[in-house]
């Protein structure tokens, strides 16, 4: 068999496998490479391709805070080397990391729980809504895993793309305030 350009050959083989070499129902009678096929010759065409078993997800527990002071929400930039690094999000951390103490002038007004799957991790996410009399000072926020913080007015959140779990938790918490 003469082969043409490598890119075209690769694409043709991918198309062939997607349309002819189907798991459990191979269409060997319509395959232009049936005579060359080792799997067909050995009678193993229904065994190929084999599917790899999915690894069990890694179970993690995480906690997050929705910190409100007046009409502003605290956002934290996710640290380098962690999930979603560089993104603005509510402050949250994985269980087992140093758990920060609640700021002194804050009271809990809501809580919610979600389970999210991110790549191979299943994260059980607990979020507490905290209303603060005044914005916590820097030393109170120092234990939170973040490279920087910023306060955003709730009405200005429409231009900020929070990760979906945080977005859902924030919406649930804000419903508690109404």
Protein backbone atom coordinates (compact mmCIF):
# COMPACT_ATOMS: atom_id res chain seq x y z
CA UNK A 1 0.00 0.00 0.00
CA UNK A 2 1.40 3.42 -0.96
CA UNK A 3 1.08 6.09 1.67
CA UNK A 4 0.72 9.79 0.92
CA UNK A 5 1.38 12.76 3.16
CA UNK A 6 1.61 11.72 6.84
CA UNK A 7 -1.02 14.23 8.02
CA UNK A 8 -3.52 12.98 5.43
CA UNK A 9 -2.78 9.36 6.34
CA UNK A 10 -3.31 10.06 10.06
CA UNK A 11 -6.59 11.84 9.37
CA UNK A 12 -7.78 9.02 7.11
CA UNK A 13 -6.98 6.40 9.76
CA UNK A 14 -8.81 8.40 12.43
CA UNK A 15 -11.84 8.76 10.16
CA UNK A 16 -11.72 5.06 9.37
CA UNK A 17 -11.58 4.05 13.01
CA UNK A 18 -14.40 6.44 13.91
CA UNK A 19 -16.71 5.13 11.19
CA UNK A 20 -15.66 1.50 10.60
CA UNK A 21 -13.64 0.12 13.53
CA UNK A 22 -16.45 0.60 16.03
CA UNK A 23 -16.26 -1.11 19.45
CA UNK A 24 -18.59 -4.14 19.64
CA UNK A 25 -19.94 -3.55 16.10
CA UNK A 26 -17.01 -3.31 13.67
CA UNK A 27 -17.94 -2.87 10.01
CA UNK A 28 -15.20 -5.07 8.59
CA UNK A 29 -17.11 -5.84 5.37
CA UNK A 30 -16.93 -2.18 4.32
CA UNK A 31 -13.32 -1.62 5.44
CA UNK A 32 -10.81 -0.91 2.65
CA UNK A 33 -8.03 -2.26 4.90
CA UNK A 34 -9.77 -5.53 5.88
CA UNK A 35 -7.13 -7.69 4.16
CA UNK A 36 -4.33 -5.87 6.04
CA UNK A 37 -6.07 -5.99 9.44
CA UNK A 38 -4.31 -8.11 12.05
CA UNK A 39 -7.28 -7.94 14.44
CA UNK A 40 -9.63 -9.33 11.76
CA UNK A 41 -7.13 -12.01 10.76
CA UNK A 42 -6.87 -13.13 14.42
CA UNK A 43 -10.65 -12.83 15.01
CA UNK A 44 -10.16 -10.13 17.68
CA UNK A 45 -11.85 -7.20 15.95
CA UNK A 46 -14.63 -7.03 18.59
CA UNK A 47 -12.00 -6.70 21.35
CA UNK A 48 -10.30 -3.66 19.85
CA UNK A 49 -10.16 -0.84 20.74
CA UNK A 50 -10.07 -1.61 24.43
CA UNK A 51 -11.41 0.96 26.83
CA UNK A 52 -9.29 1.86 29.80
CA UNK A 53 -11.08 1.62 33.10
CA UNK A 54 -11.61 5.03 34.65
CA UNK A 55 -9.67 5.61 37.81
CA UNK A 56 -11.75 6.24 40.90
CA UNK A 57 -12.01 9.97 41.55
CA UNK A 58 -9.90 11.51 44.27
CA UNK A 59 -12.28 12.67 47.00
CA UNK A 60 -11.50 16.09 48.47
CA UNK A 61 -13.23 18.39 50.91
CA UNK A 62 -13.00 22.14 50.49
CA UNK A 63 -14.33 25.15 52.33
CA UNK A 64 -15.00 28.60 50.98
CA UNK A 65 -16.20 31.93 52.25
CA UNK A 66 -18.49 34.50 50.77
CA UNK A 67 -17.33 37.56 52.70
CA UNK A 68 -19.61 40.58 52.40
CA UNK A 69 -18.95 44.01 53.85
CA UNK A 70 -21.75 46.40 53.03
CA UNK A 71 -22.49 45.88 49.34
CA UNK A 72 -19.01 44.53 48.53
CA UNK A 73 -17.73 40.97 48.11
CA UNK A 74 -14.17 39.86 48.80
CA UNK A 75 -12.48 38.12 45.88
CA UNK A 76 -9.15 36.32 46.07
CA UNK A 77 -6.72 35.62 43.22
CA UNK A 78 -5.97 31.88 43.22
CA UNK A 79 -2.29 31.12 43.95
CA UNK A 80 0.10 29.70 41.37
CA UNK A 81 0.31 25.93 41.48
CA UNK A 82 -3.27 25.44 42.66
CA UNK A 83 -6.41 24.76 40.68
CA UNK A 84 -7.66 27.74 38.77
CA UNK A 85 -4.42 29.59 39.51
CA UNK A 86 -4.52 33.26 38.63
CA UNK A 87 -8.33 33.44 38.54
CA UNK A 88 -10.41 35.63 40.80
CA UNK A 89 -12.69 33.57 43.02
CA UNK A 90 -14.20 33.53 46.48
CA UNK A 91 -11.54 32.52 49.03
CA UNK A 92 -11.49 28.73 49.41
CA UNK A 93 -9.05 26.04 50.41
CA UNK A 94 -8.76 22.26 50.44
CA UNK A 95 -9.24 20.47 53.76
CA UNK A 96 -5.87 19.69 55.25
CA UNK A 97 -4.45 23.08 54.34
CA UNK A 98 -4.19 25.53 57.22
CA UNK A 99 -7.75 26.59 57.97
CA UNK A 100 -7.99 30.34 58.56
CA UNK A 101 -9.82 31.75 61.56
CA UNK A 102 -13.02 33.65 60.88
CA UNK A 103 -12.55 37.41 60.92
CA UNK A 104 -13.72 38.78 64.27
CA UNK A 105 -16.43 41.14 63.06
CA UNK A 106 -18.21 38.64 60.77
CA UNK A 107 -21.39 36.65 61.33
CA UNK A 108 -22.60 33.72 59.25
CA UNK A 109 -25.82 34.33 57.33
CA UNK A 110 -25.87 31.34 54.95
CA UNK A 111 -24.26 28.05 54.12
CA UNK A 112 -24.49 25.66 51.22
CA UNK A 113 -22.83 22.49 50.03
CA UNK A 114 -22.06 21.26 46.54
CA UNK A 115 -20.20 18.37 45.03
CA UNK A 116 -18.26 19.16 41.87
CA UNK A 117 -16.03 17.04 39.69
CA UNK A 118 -12.97 18.74 38.25
CA UNK A 119 -10.79 16.47 36.12
CA UNK A 120 -10.08 13.44 38.33
CA UNK A 121 -11.14 15.09 41.61
CA UNK A 122 -14.56 15.03 43.27
CA UNK A 123 -14.71 18.04 45.55
CA UNK A 124 -17.25 18.30 48.35
CA UNK A 125 -17.48 22.06 48.62
CA UNK A 126 -18.85 23.74 51.79
CA UNK A 127 -19.41 27.49 51.50
CA UNK A 128 -20.29 29.87 54.31
CA UNK A 129 -21.77 33.29 53.70
CA UNK A 130 -20.34 35.80 56.16
CA UNK A 131 -21.54 39.35 56.68
CA UNK A 132 -18.86 41.62 58.13
CA UNK A 133 -19.48 44.85 60.02
CA UNK A 134 -16.29 46.24 58.49
CA UNK A 135 -13.82 44.91 55.94
CA UNK A 136 -11.39 42.49 57.59
CA UNK A 137 -7.86 43.84 57.88
CA UNK A 138 -4.94 42.37 55.96
CA UNK A 139 -3.62 40.28 58.86
CA UNK A 140 -7.04 38.59 59.20
CA UNK A 141 -6.91 37.62 55.51
CA UNK A 142 -3.25 36.56 55.52
CA UNK A 143 -4.07 32.89 56.21
CA UNK A 144 -6.33 32.64 53.13
CA UNK A 145 -4.69 30.98 50.10
CA UNK A 146 -4.46 33.88 47.67
CA UNK A 147 -1.86 36.07 46.01
CA UNK A 148 -4.01 39.19 46.33
CA UNK A 149 -7.49 40.34 47.34
CA UNK A 150 -9.97 42.88 46.07
CA UNK A 151 -13.39 44.06 47.11
CA UNK A 152 -16.02 44.22 44.37
CA UNK A 153 -19.42 45.82 44.60
CA UNK A 154 -22.14 43.21 44.09
CA UNK A 155 -23.65 45.24 41.27
CA UNK A 156 -20.29 45.10 39.43
CA UNK A 157 -19.99 41.29 39.51
CA UNK A 158 -21.59 40.85 36.08
CA UNK A 159 -18.21 41.49 34.40
CA UNK A 160 -16.32 38.93 36.51
CA UNK A 161 -16.34 35.27 35.52
CA UNK A 162 -16.23 33.25 38.71
CA UNK A 163 -15.74 29.49 38.51
CA UNK A 164 -19.13 27.77 38.28
CA UNK A 165 -19.16 26.25 41.81
CA UNK A 166 -18.42 29.66 43.33
CA UNK A 167 -21.01 31.34 41.14
CA UNK A 168 -23.69 28.87 42.26
CA UNK A 169 -22.72 29.18 45.93
CA UNK A 170 -22.77 32.98 45.71
CA UNK A 171 -26.24 32.96 44.12
CA UNK A 172 -27.55 30.64 46.86
CA UNK A 173 -26.02 32.78 49.61
CA UNK A 174 -27.39 36.02 48.18
CA UNK A 175 -30.88 34.50 48.04
CA UNK A 176 -30.56 34.00 51.82
CA UNK A 177 -30.03 37.77 52.22
CA UNK A 178 -33.24 38.68 50.41
